[in-house]
Amino acid sequence: MRGFTTSIVHSDRLDPIEHGSLHKPIHATVAYGYDDVRDLADVFQGKSSGYSYARQVNPTVSALEAKMSRMERGIATVCFSTGMAAIGTMLFALLREGDHFVSSSFLFGNTNSLFLSFAAHGVDVTFVDAARTSAVEDALRLNTKLVFVETIANPRTQVSDLDGIGAVCRERGLVYVVDNTMTSPYLFQPVTVGASLIVNSLTKYIGGHGNALGGAITETGLHDWTAFANIYDAYKKGDARKWAITQMRKKGLRDFGATLGAEAAHHLSLGAETLALRQERQCANAQALVDLLAAHPKVRRVYYPGLADHPQHAKTMALFRHPGALFSFELVDGIDAFAFLNRLQVVIKSSNLGDNRTLAIPVAETIYHEMGPQRRASMGIADSLIRISTGIEDVEDLLGDFEQALA
């Protein structure tokens, strides 16, 4: 077993690369030719490995998938064009009309919207407080197939009871899906709490540079797919641990078409090499900013799992390498959040997160605006809430920027 970063940096060269290249090159092709048509047929039928059509497979993307599997200690990965495509395709491939799943109520806004869209098409969802395992248990039904949680919620930073929910899913034979985007495989590996499938938005910390979209689903090999009713007979071949991930690639990428392009895969793969280095700096910067804001008279409250008064602080410190690089806060009454944000000079006003640059956004007026005031209130999102995704800038510059904006 090599270290985390060593494994990522040398991942591509574990398989032969053309001309001794240190990186898997960009394979900008849609189709693949074979000298013997029997070989082409065998690849299409899954009898042998190979490349058929770029909607499902590409060598550059395959290299990134192998890298993700090593990062998450999984047995296989499928990559998609975005993180949302990964989640949507996973549900599309595994659930059917009449099925039910349980989800954390503290969801990323787009994921919440996606799940409600599935509910409108006959796949029911129940939202619960995933910080309490008992809430998940109480929501289970006879037709429940899956439980979906995020590690740390965006933007209020609630932390799911990851190990407790994992134990329940294992006892009940449920598929346990953990979205690891906010922590990344460097801060946390969901396989340690029994996750069946791991979601990552590669756009965020793994890519890290804000220059490519991507998403991934990683199979851990821990779930018994032979007992899962929704696997089609065509995919019940070979290693049963890979039946679901194969169905996601076939029914998902082939039928749904949310394919990750080779150039984006190349950007994401290169970005992943410095994940650990970036996250060490980002998390340290987050803690420094949180300490400043938590003691400032113009700040009403700060939400960050690294604070001792955070409801899931103990859980955070037990499970994660660091408490993350994202936090949110509310200013005291009478201070215009927009005016404060406009005074920031180093910090960029932008909707992304996990970037090398520190980004800030007013939550209620932007990414959670469509949700409406009632749903925002149920999630604890105040109208004045500001979200910060910390980057890798010099900490003195960040602290000075916040201090002058609050002055």
Protein backbone atom coordinates (compact mmCIF):
# COMPACT_ATOMS: atom_id res chain seq x y z
CA MET A 1 0.00 0.00 0.00
CA ARG A 2 1.50 3.31 -1.11
CA GLY A 3 0.48 6.67 0.29
CA PHE A 4 -2.54 8.59 -0.96
CA THR A 5 -0.70 11.09 -3.16
CA THR A 6 1.91 8.60 -4.38
CA SER A 7 -0.89 6.32 -5.59
CA ILE A 8 -2.59 9.13 -7.49
CA VAL A 9 0.57 10.56 -9.07
CA HIS A 10 1.71 7.14 -10.36
CA SER A 11 -1.75 5.74 -11.16
CA ASP A 12 -1.65 6.22 -14.95
CA ARG A 13 1.66 4.38 -15.37
CA LEU A 14 0.40 1.19 -13.72
CA ASP A 15 -0.86 0.34 -17.19
CA PRO A 16 1.27 0.79 -20.34
CA ILE A 17 1.08 4.28 -21.87
CA GLU A 18 1.95 5.15 -25.44
CA HIS A 19 5.55 6.38 -25.98
CA GLY A 20 6.36 6.30 -22.25
CA SER A 21 4.17 9.34 -21.50
CA LEU A 22 3.86 10.19 -17.80
CA HIS A 23 0.16 10.99 -18.24
CA LYS A 24 -2.58 9.13 -20.04
CA PRO A 25 -2.98 11.20 -23.23
CA ILE A 26 -6.24 12.67 -24.48
CA HIS A 27 -7.93 10.15 -26.76
CA ALA A 28 -10.07 12.42 -28.93
CA THR A 29 -11.97 9.70 -30.76
CA VAL A 30 -15.57 8.58 -30.88
CA ALA A 31 -15.16 5.07 -32.29
CA TYR A 32 -12.62 2.24 -32.15
CA GLY A 33 -11.68 -0.12 -34.97
CA TYR A 34 -10.87 -3.84 -34.86
CA ASP A 35 -9.04 -6.02 -37.36
CA ASP A 36 -11.30 -8.96 -36.52
CA VAL A 37 -15.00 -8.20 -36.28
CA ARG A 38 -15.39 -11.07 -33.81
CA ASP A 39 -13.34 -9.05 -31.33
CA LEU A 40 -15.66 -6.08 -31.83
CA ALA A 41 -18.69 -8.30 -31.18
CA ASP A 42 -17.10 -9.76 -28.04
CA VAL A 43 -16.49 -6.28 -26.67
CA PHE A 44 -20.09 -5.23 -27.33
CA GLN A 45 -21.38 -8.40 -25.64
CA GLY A 46 -19.10 -8.02 -22.63
CA LYS A 47 -17.20 -11.22 -23.35
CA SER A 48 -13.89 -9.39 -23.49
CA SER A 49 -12.59 -5.99 -22.38
CA GLY A 50 -12.07 -3.24 -24.91
CA TYR A 51 -13.49 -0.06 -26.38
CA SER A 52 -16.67 0.09 -28.43
CA TYR A 53 -18.10 3.61 -28.56
CA ALA A 54 -17.11 6.79 -26.72
CA ARG A 55 -20.52 7.36 -25.17
CA GLN A 56 -19.62 4.53 -22.75
CA VAL A 57 -15.84 4.13 -22.82
CA ASN A 58 -12.73 6.15 -23.57
CA PRO A 59 -9.10 5.36 -22.59
CA THR A 60 -8.53 8.79 -21.03
CA VAL A 61 -11.73 8.46 -18.98
CA SER A 62 -10.83 4.87 -18.06
CA ALA A 63 -7.54 6.12 -16.58
CA LEU A 64 -9.46 8.62 -14.43
CA GLU A 65 -11.90 5.90 -13.37
CA ALA A 66 -9.01 3.70 -12.26
CA LYS A 67 -7.58 6.62 -10.32
CA MET A 68 -10.92 7.25 -8.59
CA SER A 69 -11.22 3.59 -7.61
CA ARG A 70 -7.80 3.73 -5.98
CA MET A 71 -8.62 6.98 -4.18
CA GLU A 72 -11.88 5.61 -2.78
CA ARG A 73 -10.57 2.06 -2.19
CA GLY A 74 -13.31 0.77 -4.50
CA ILE A 75 -13.39 -1.99 -7.11
CA ALA A 76 -14.76 -0.02 -10.08
CA THR A 77 -15.81 3.50 -11.07
CA VAL A 78 -17.95 5.05 -13.79
CA CYS A 79 -17.42 8.71 -14.66
CA PHE A 80 -20.05 11.13 -15.96
CA SER A 81 -20.22 14.60 -17.46
CA THR A 82 -21.14 16.25 -14.11
CA GLY A 83 -21.77 15.32 -10.49
CA MET A 84 -25.49 15.79 -11.04
CA ALA A 85 -25.33 13.46 -14.04
CA ALA A 86 -23.68 10.85 -11.81
CA ILE A 87 -26.45 11.02 -9.21
CA GLY A 88 -29.28 11.17 -11.75
CA THR A 89 -27.92 8.32 -13.82
CA MET A 90 -27.39 6.18 -10.72
CA LEU A 91 -31.06 6.58 -9.73
CA PHE A 92 -32.21 6.14 -13.34
CA ALA A 93 -30.29 2.87 -13.64
CA LEU A 94 -31.11 1.34 -10.25
CA LEU A 95 -34.62 2.45 -9.28
CA ARG A 96 -38.01 1.85 -10.87
CA GLU A 97 -41.53 3.20 -10.55
CA GLY A 98 -42.96 2.25 -7.17
CA ASP A 99 -39.59 2.18 -5.41
CA HIS A 100 -38.81 4.35 -2.41
CA PHE A 101 -35.58 5.80 -1.07
CA VAL A 102 -34.56 7.84 1.96
CA SER A 103 -32.44 10.95 1.67
CA SER A 104 -30.85 13.50 3.95
CA SER A 105 -32.99 16.63 4.07
CA PHE A 106 -29.88 18.83 4.19
CA LEU A 107 -29.14 18.35 0.51
CA PHE A 108 -27.36 20.40 -2.09
CA GLY A 109 -30.14 22.38 -3.76
CA ASN A 110 -29.82 20.79 -7.21
CA THR A 111 -29.83 17.29 -5.74
CA ASN A 112 -32.98 18.14 -3.80
CA SER A 113 -34.61 19.35 -7.02
CA LEU A 114 -33.52 16.19 -8.87
CA PHE A 115 -34.98 13.91 -6.20
CA LEU A 116 -38.31 15.74 -6.33
CA SER A 117 -38.32 15.26 -10.10
CA PHE A 118 -37.88 11.51 -9.63
CA ALA A 119 -40.75 11.59 -7.12
CA ALA A 120 -42.95 13.18 -9.78
CA HIS A 121 -42.20 10.16 -11.99
CA GLY A 122 -43.12 7.52 -9.44
CA VAL A 123 -39.93 6.97 -7.41
CA ASP A 124 -40.85 8.20 -3.94
CA VAL A 125 -38.40 9.90 -1.60
CA THR A 126 -38.54 10.74 2.10
CA PHE A 127 -36.28 13.51 3.42
CA VAL A 128 -35.00 13.09 6.97
CA ASP A 129 -32.49 14.54 9.42
CA ALA A 130 -29.53 12.32 8.50
CA ALA A 131 -27.61 13.49 11.57
CA ARG A 132 -29.86 11.02 13.44
CA THR A 133 -29.82 7.36 12.45
CA SER A 134 -33.20 6.90 14.13
CA ALA A 135 -34.75 9.34 11.64
CA VAL A 136 -33.54 7.15 8.77
CA GLU A 137 -34.86 3.98 10.45
CA ASP A 138 -38.27 5.55 11.04
CA ALA A 139 -38.57 6.44 7.35
CA LEU A 140 -37.87 2.95 5.98
CA ARG A 141 -40.64 1.09 4.14
CA LEU A 142 -41.07 -2.34 2.62
CA ASN A 143 -40.31 -0.86 -0.82
CA THR A 144 -37.24 1.13 0.31
CA LYS A 145 -34.29 0.30 -1.90
CA LEU A 146 -31.70 2.91 -1.08
CA VAL A 147 -30.45 5.48 1.43
CA PHE A 148 -28.65 8.60 0.17
CA VAL A 149 -26.61 10.94 2.36
CA GLU A 150 -23.94 13.60 1.99
CA THR A 151 -20.93 13.64 4.29
CA ILE A 152 -21.09 17.36 5.13
CA ALA A 153 -24.10 19.37 4.06
CA ASN A 154 -23.74 22.40 1.83
CA PRO A 155 -24.14 25.13 3.07
CA ARG A 156 -25.06 24.63 6.76
CA THR A 157 -22.41 21.91 7.33
CA GLN A 158 -24.61 19.35 9.10
CA VAL A 159 -22.75 16.03 9.29
CA SER A 160 -24.62 12.77 8.64
CA ASP A 161 -24.42 9.93 11.15
CA LEU A 162 -22.41 8.04 8.57
CA ASP A 163 -21.38 4.99 10.57
CA GLY A 164 -24.76 4.58 12.26
CA ILE A 165 -26.67 4.75 8.97
CA GLY A 166 -24.17 2.36 7.45
CA ALA A 167 -24.91 -0.19 10.15
CA VAL A 168 -28.67 0.09 9.53
CA CYS A 169 -28.25 -0.32 5.76
CA ARG A 170 -26.06 -3.36 6.28
CA GLU A 171 -28.62 -4.96 8.63
CA ARG A 172 -31.56 -4.21 6.29
CA GLY A 173 -29.76 -5.09 3.06
CA LEU A 174 -30.22 -1.56 1.67
CA VAL A 175 -28.02 0.17 -0.88
CA TYR A 176 -26.06 2.86 0.97
CA VAL A 177 -25.03 5.80 -1.22
CA VAL A 178 -22.64 8.38 0.25
CA ASP A 179 -21.94 11.64 -1.58
CA ASN A 180 -18.31 12.36 -0.67
CA THR A 181 -18.01 15.62 -2.61
CA MET A 182 -17.66 17.94 0.39
CA THR A 183 -14.95 15.86 2.02
CA SER A 184 -13.28 14.19 -0.98
CA PRO A 185 -11.43 10.88 -0.72
CA TYR A 186 -8.53 12.64 1.00
CA LEU A 187 -10.52 13.75 4.06
CA PHE A 188 -12.78 10.69 4.22
CA GLN A 189 -13.32 7.33 2.54
CA PRO A 190 -16.96 6.16 2.82
CA VAL A 191 -15.94 2.51 2.40
CA THR A 192 -14.95 2.70 6.09
CA VAL A 193 -18.62 3.13 7.09
CA GLY A 194 -19.99 0.48 4.76
CA ALA A 195 -21.00 2.59 1.76
CA SER A 196 -22.24 0.59 -1.23
CA LEU A 197 -21.73 3.38 -3.77
CA ILE A 198 -19.70 6.59 -3.46
CA VAL A 199 -20.58 9.77 -5.35
CA ASN A 200 -18.03 12.48 -6.14
CA SER A 201 -18.51 15.68 -8.07
CA LEU A 202 -15.12 15.77 -9.75
CA THR A 203 -15.72 19.43 -10.58
CA LYS A 204 -15.05 20.39 -6.99
CA TYR A 205 -12.04 19.41 -4.85
CA ILE A 206 -10.78 16.52 -6.98
CA GLY A 207 -10.39 18.62 -10.14
CA GLY A 208 -9.80 21.67 -7.99
CA HIS A 209 -9.00 24.25 -10.63
CA GLY A 210 -12.48 25.25 -11.80
CA ASN A 211 -11.71 24.27 -15.40
CA ALA A 212 -13.68 21.06 -15.98
CA LEU A 213 -17.01 19.49 -15.05
CA GLY A 214 -17.28 15.83 -14.06
CA GLY A 215 -18.82 13.29 -11.72
CA ALA A 216 -18.16 9.73 -10.59
CA ILE A 217 -19.83 6.73 -8.98
CA THR A 218 -17.50 4.25 -7.29
CA GLU A 219 -18.51 0.69 -6.39
CA THR A 220 -17.05 -0.50 -3.07
CA GLY A 221 -17.93 -4.17 -3.50
CA LEU A 222 -19.68 -4.28 -0.11
CA HIS A 223 -23.29 -4.67 -1.25
CA ASP A 224 -24.85 -7.99 -2.23
CA TRP A 225 -26.28 -7.17 -5.65
CA THR A 226 -27.57 -10.74 -6.08
CA ALA A 227 -30.34 -9.76 -3.64
CA PHE A 228 -31.17 -6.49 -5.44
CA ALA A 229 -34.34 -6.95 -7.48
CA ASN A 230 -33.64 -4.21 -10.03
CA ILE A 231 -30.61 -5.72 -11.75
CA TYR A 232 -31.54 -6.69 -15.32
CA ASP A 233 -30.75 -10.25 -16.41
CA ALA A 234 -28.43 -8.96 -19.16
CA TYR A 235 -26.02 -7.63 -16.54
CA LYS A 236 -26.00 -10.64 -14.24
CA LYS A 237 -22.70 -11.86 -15.62
CA GLY A 238 -19.27 -12.32 -14.10
CA ASP A 239 -18.38 -10.77 -10.74
CA ALA A 240 -21.67 -10.06 -8.95
CA ARG A 241 -20.06 -7.17 -7.09
CA LYS A 242 -19.93 -5.29 -10.41
CA TRP A 243 -23.47 -5.97 -11.63
CA ALA A 244 -24.79 -2.56 -10.53
CA ILE A 245 -21.86 -0.52 -11.82
CA THR A 246 -22.12 -2.34 -15.16
CA GLN A 247 -25.84 -1.54 -15.30
CA MET A 248 -25.04 2.11 -14.58
CA ARG A 249 -22.55 2.18 -17.45
CA LYS A 250 -24.86 0.34 -19.86
CA LYS A 251 -28.26 1.74 -18.93
CA GLY A 252 -26.78 5.02 -17.77
CA LEU A 253 -24.11 6.06 -20.22
CA ARG A 254 -25.47 4.12 -23.19
CA ASP A 255 -29.15 5.02 -22.74
CA PHE A 256 -28.91 8.33 -20.86
CA GLY A 257 -25.72 9.62 -22.49
CA ALA A 258 -24.25 11.80 -19.73
CA THR A 259 -20.73 11.08 -20.99
CA LEU A 260 -17.55 12.66 -19.64
CA GLY A 261 -15.38 13.99 -22.46
CA ALA A 262 -11.72 12.99 -22.79
CA GLU A 263 -10.36 16.54 -22.45
CA ALA A 264 -12.33 17.17 -19.25
CA ALA A 265 -11.17 13.80 -17.90
CA HIS A 266 -7.57 14.80 -18.58
CA HIS A 267 -7.97 18.10 -16.68
CA LEU A 268 -9.64 16.35 -13.75
CA SER A 269 -7.02 13.62 -13.63
CA LEU A 270 -4.17 16.14 -13.48
CA GLY A 271 -5.99 18.17 -10.83
CA ALA A 272 -6.44 15.10 -8.65
CA GLU A 273 -2.68 14.72 -8.28
CA THR A 274 -2.49 17.72 -5.93
CA LEU A 275 -5.71 17.02 -4.00
CA ALA A 276 -3.99 16.33 -0.68
CA LEU A 277 -1.70 19.35 -0.95
CA ARG A 278 -4.56 21.69 -1.80
CA GLN A 279 -6.91 20.38 0.86
CA GLU A 280 -4.35 20.72 3.62
CA ARG A 281 -4.01 24.42 2.76
CA GLN A 282 -7.74 24.95 2.16
CA CYS A 283 -8.76 23.37 5.45
CA ALA A 284 -6.15 25.36 7.39
CA ASN A 285 -7.37 28.57 5.75
CA ALA A 286 -10.98 27.68 6.59
CA GLN A 287 -10.16 27.14 10.26
CA ALA A 288 -8.29 30.47 10.46
CA LEU A 289 -11.19 32.36 8.89
CA VAL A 290 -13.73 30.60 11.08
CA ASP A 291 -11.76 31.49 14.21
CA LEU A 292 -11.72 35.14 13.12
CA LEU A 293 -15.43 35.28 12.30
CA ALA A 294 -16.60 33.34 15.35
CA ALA A 295 -15.03 35.97 17.61
CA HIS A 296 -16.11 39.01 15.58
CA PRO A 297 -18.87 41.23 17.05
CA LYS A 298 -20.47 41.75 13.64
CA VAL A 299 -20.98 38.04 13.04
CA ARG A 300 -24.01 36.38 14.59
CA ARG A 301 -23.14 32.74 13.96
CA VAL A 302 -20.67 30.56 12.08
CA TYR A 303 -21.45 27.05 10.82
CA TYR A 304 -18.36 24.83 10.58
CA PRO A 305 -17.81 21.28 11.89
CA GLY A 306 -14.40 22.27 13.21
CA LEU A 307 -15.97 24.51 15.87
CA ALA A 308 -16.37 22.88 19.27
CA ASP A 309 -20.02 24.03 19.53
CA HIS A 310 -21.02 22.43 16.21
CA PRO A 311 -23.64 19.72 16.94
CA GLN A 312 -21.60 17.07 15.09
CA HIS A 313 -18.12 18.25 16.07
CA ALA A 314 -17.17 15.03 17.85
CA LYS A 315 -18.42 12.92 14.94
CA THR A 316 -16.48 15.10 12.51
CA MET A 317 -13.21 14.79 14.36
CA ALA A 318 -13.65 11.02 14.70
CA LEU A 319 -14.40 10.37 11.01
CA PHE A 320 -12.65 13.03 8.92
CA ARG A 321 -8.98 13.96 8.50
CA HIS A 322 -10.01 17.64 8.70
CA PRO A 323 -13.43 19.35 9.10
CA GLY A 324 -13.47 20.54 5.50
CA ALA A 325 -12.86 23.73 3.56
CA LEU A 326 -16.41 25.08 3.38
CA PHE A 327 -18.30 27.06 6.01
CA SER A 328 -21.15 29.55 6.22
CA PHE A 329 -22.05 32.40 8.54
CA GLU A 330 -24.66 35.03 9.30
CA LEU A 331 -23.98 38.69 9.97
CA VAL A 332 -25.71 40.51 12.82
CA ASP A 333 -28.94 42.35 12.07
CA GLY A 334 -28.49 45.70 10.38
CA ILE A 335 -25.53 44.74 8.17
CA ASP A 336 -26.26 44.37 4.47
CA ALA A 337 -24.78 41.05 3.34
CA PHE A 338 -24.54 42.28 -0.25
CA ALA A 339 -22.61 45.37 0.82
CA PHE A 340 -20.24 43.21 2.87
CA LEU A 341 -19.62 40.81 -0.02
CA ASN A 342 -18.99 43.67 -2.43
CA ARG A 343 -16.26 44.99 -0.12
CA LEU A 344 -14.26 41.76 -0.36
CA GLN A 345 -11.28 42.22 -2.68
CA VAL A 346 -9.36 38.94 -2.58
CA VAL A 347 -12.42 36.71 -2.25
CA ILE A 348 -14.33 36.13 -5.48
CA LYS A 349 -18.13 36.30 -5.59
CA SER A 350 -18.88 33.02 -7.38
CA SER A 351 -21.12 29.94 -7.10
CA ASN A 352 -18.52 27.17 -7.40
CA LEU A 353 -16.69 25.47 -4.51
CA GLY A 354 -13.53 23.44 -4.09
CA ASP A 355 -11.59 25.90 -6.26
CA ASN A 356 -8.02 27.10 -5.62
CA ARG A 357 -9.54 30.55 -5.15
CA THR A 358 -11.67 31.49 -2.15
CA LEU A 359 -15.28 31.97 -3.25
CA ALA A 360 -18.26 33.59 -1.51
CA ILE A 361 -21.96 33.59 -2.30
CA PRO A 362 -25.23 34.78 -0.66
CA VAL A 363 -27.06 31.47 -0.41
CA ALA A 364 -30.76 32.37 -0.26
CA GLU A 365 -30.60 34.77 -3.20
CA THR A 366 -28.68 32.43 -5.52
CA ILE A 367 -28.27 28.66 -5.36
CA TYR A 368 -31.25 28.15 -3.03
CA HIS A 369 -33.49 30.87 -4.46
CA GLU A 370 -35.79 28.51 -6.42
CA MET A 371 -36.38 26.40 -3.32
CA GLY A 372 -38.51 29.12 -1.77
CA PRO A 373 -38.54 30.55 1.78
CA GLN A 374 -40.48 27.69 3.40
CA ARG A 375 -38.12 24.93 2.23
CA ARG A 376 -35.09 27.10 3.05
CA ALA A 377 -36.41 27.65 6.55
CA SER A 378 -36.88 23.90 7.04
CA MET A 379 -33.19 23.46 6.16
CA GLY A 380 -32.08 26.22 8.53
CA ILE A 381 -30.96 28.54 5.72
CA ALA A 382 -31.39 32.15 6.82
CA ASP A 383 -31.90 34.90 4.27
CA SER A 384 -28.60 36.46 5.37
CA LEU A 385 -26.54 33.26 5.11
CA ILE A 386 -23.19 33.61 3.33
CA ARG A 387 -21.24 30.56 2.12
CA ILE A 388 -17.46 30.52 1.87
CA SER A 389 -15.38 27.97 -0.02
CA THR A 390 -11.78 28.56 1.01
CA GLY A 391 -8.93 28.38 -1.46
CA ILE A 392 -5.16 28.18 -1.22
CA GLU A 393 -4.31 31.88 -0.92
CA ASP A 394 -1.90 33.12 1.75
CA VAL A 395 -3.89 33.10 4.96
CA GLU A 396 -2.76 36.62 5.93
CA ASP A 397 -4.34 37.98 2.75
CA LEU A 398 -7.63 36.23 3.44
CA LEU A 399 -7.78 37.35 7.06
CA GLY A 400 -6.97 40.93 6.05
CA ASP A 401 -9.67 40.88 3.38
CA PHE A 402 -12.37 39.77 5.80
CA GLU A 403 -11.22 42.23 8.45
CA GLN A 404 -11.36 45.24 6.10
CA ALA A 405 -14.76 44.17 4.72
CA LEU A 406 -16.19 43.93 8.24
CA ALA A 407 -14.59 47.18 9.44
